[in-house]
Each structure stands twice: as structure tokens, then as C-alpha cells.
């Protein structure tokens, strides 16, 4: 709890995963609406490229947070190394 309140731990990656599934659901609903209006080509195009776009955007956000986690880990290792006198 202390890590969350001190902003030492990120909660956004979990939120990004939830938003990915909501975005995917939105893509499916919009493609379904286009199919309902008998717009087959736009529906399938949006379904394919929309799903890929949501996935790429979500993965880029997750990569940013993993980079942050790696940098925090490297920083901690450097602090440990400097404090041990190596």
C-alpha cells in the first residue's frame, strides 16, 4: 500500500490491460453495427485493423511501463553496488 501511495509502484499496466479488452469490445461492437447496416467491407476492415491498432497501442504502453520497471531495477542495483563498496 505504501508503494502505491508513494507512487513507487505503477498500477497503470493493469489498467492498460483492462482498457485493451474494452477497446477490443468496442471494435467488435462497431464492426457488428457496420455489418447490421450491410456494410461488409468497412466492417471487416475495421474489425481487422481496429483490433490490430488497439493491440499495438496497448503493447506500446505496456512496453513503456516495462522500461520504467527495468530502469527502477537498474537504479536499485546501482545503489546496492555503491553502498556495498564495490
Protein backbone atom coordinates (compact mmCIF):
# COMPACT_ATOMS: atom_id res chain seq x y z
CA UNK A 1 0.00 0.00 0.00
CA UNK A 2 2.86 2.32 0.80
CA UNK A 3 4.33 1.78 -2.68
CA UNK A 4 1.07 2.80 -4.30
CA UNK A 5 0.63 5.93 -2.21
CA UNK A 6 4.24 6.94 -2.74
CA UNK A 7 3.99 6.34 -6.50
CA UNK A 8 6.81 3.80 -6.29
CA UNK A 9 4.68 1.10 -7.90
CA UNK A 10 2.76 1.56 -11.14
CA UNK A 11 -0.88 0.48 -11.38
CA UNK A 12 -1.34 1.67 -14.95
CA UNK A 13 -0.21 -1.58 -16.67
CA UNK A 14 -3.17 -3.40 -15.14
CA UNK A 15 -5.45 -0.60 -16.27
CA UNK A 16 -3.99 -0.78 -19.80
CA UNK A 17 -4.87 -4.47 -19.98
CA UNK A 18 -8.46 -3.74 -18.98
CA UNK A 19 -8.65 -0.90 -21.50
CA UNK A 20 -7.32 -3.25 -24.19
CA UNK A 21 -10.23 -5.61 -23.70
CA UNK A 22 -12.69 -2.72 -23.60
CA UNK A 23 -11.18 -1.35 -26.83
CA UNK A 24 -11.42 -4.77 -28.44
CA UNK A 25 -15.04 -5.00 -27.36
CA UNK A 26 -15.66 -1.56 -28.88
CA UNK A 27 -14.10 -2.66 -32.17
CA UNK A 28 -16.33 -5.73 -32.24
CA UNK A 29 -19.45 -3.69 -31.48
CA UNK A 30 -18.68 -1.11 -34.17
CA UNK A 31 -17.90 -3.81 -36.71
CA UNK A 32 -21.17 -5.50 -35.77
CA UNK A 33 -23.02 -2.23 -36.27
CA UNK A 34 -21.48 -1.88 -39.73
CA UNK A 35 -22.48 -5.45 -40.54
CA UNK A 36 -26.01 -4.69 -39.39
CA UNK A 37 -26.10 -1.85 -41.93
CA UNK A 38 -24.86 -4.30 -44.59
CA UNK A 39 -21.53 -2.53 -44.98
CA UNK A 40 -19.45 -5.68 -45.19
CA UNK A 41 -16.12 -4.37 -46.45
CA UNK A 42 -15.88 -1.50 -43.92
CA UNK A 43 -16.95 -3.86 -41.14
CA UNK A 44 -14.28 -6.45 -41.85
CA UNK A 45 -11.65 -3.78 -42.49
CA UNK A 46 -12.44 -2.09 -39.20
CA UNK A 47 -12.53 -5.42 -37.40
CA UNK A 48 -9.08 -6.41 -38.63
CA UNK A 49 -7.27 -3.07 -38.50
CA UNK A 50 -9.11 -1.87 -35.41
CA UNK A 51 -8.15 -4.96 -33.45
CA UNK A 52 -4.54 -4.70 -34.62
CA UNK A 53 -4.44 -0.98 -33.80
CA UNK A 54 -5.82 -1.48 -30.29
CA UNK A 55 -3.30 -4.26 -29.69
CA UNK A 56 -0.32 -2.23 -30.93
CA UNK A 57 -1.31 0.81 -28.88
CA UNK A 58 -1.74 -1.29 -25.74
CA UNK A 59 1.56 -3.09 -26.26
CA UNK A 60 3.40 0.21 -26.70
CA UNK A 61 2.00 1.46 -23.42
CA UNK A 62 2.96 -1.77 -21.65
CA UNK A 63 6.49 -1.55 -23.11
CA UNK A 64 6.86 1.94 -21.67
CA UNK A 65 5.97 0.69 -18.21
CA UNK A 66 8.30 -2.30 -18.52
CA UNK A 67 11.10 0.07 -19.47
CA UNK A 68 10.28 2.03 -16.33
CA UNK A 69 10.39 -1.14 -14.22
CA UNK A 70 13.75 -2.10 -15.73
CA UNK A 71 15.19 1.33 -15.06
CA UNK A 72 13.99 1.22 -11.45
CA UNK A 73 15.62 -2.20 -11.07
CA UNK A 74 18.90 -0.98 -12.57
CA UNK A 75 18.82 2.07 -10.31
CA UNK A 76 18.32 -0.13 -7.25
CA UNK A 77 21.17 -2.43 -8.29
CA UNK A 78 23.47 0.55 -8.74
CA UNK A 79 22.54 1.87 -5.30
CA UNK A 80 23.18 -1.55 -3.76
CA UNK A 81 26.52 -1.85 -5.55
CA UNK A 82 27.64 1.62 -4.45
CA UNK A 83 26.59 1.08 -0.84
CA UNK A 84 28.45 -2.24 -0.59
CA UNK A 85 31.71 -0.58 -1.63
CA UNK A 86 32.34 -2.45 -4.88
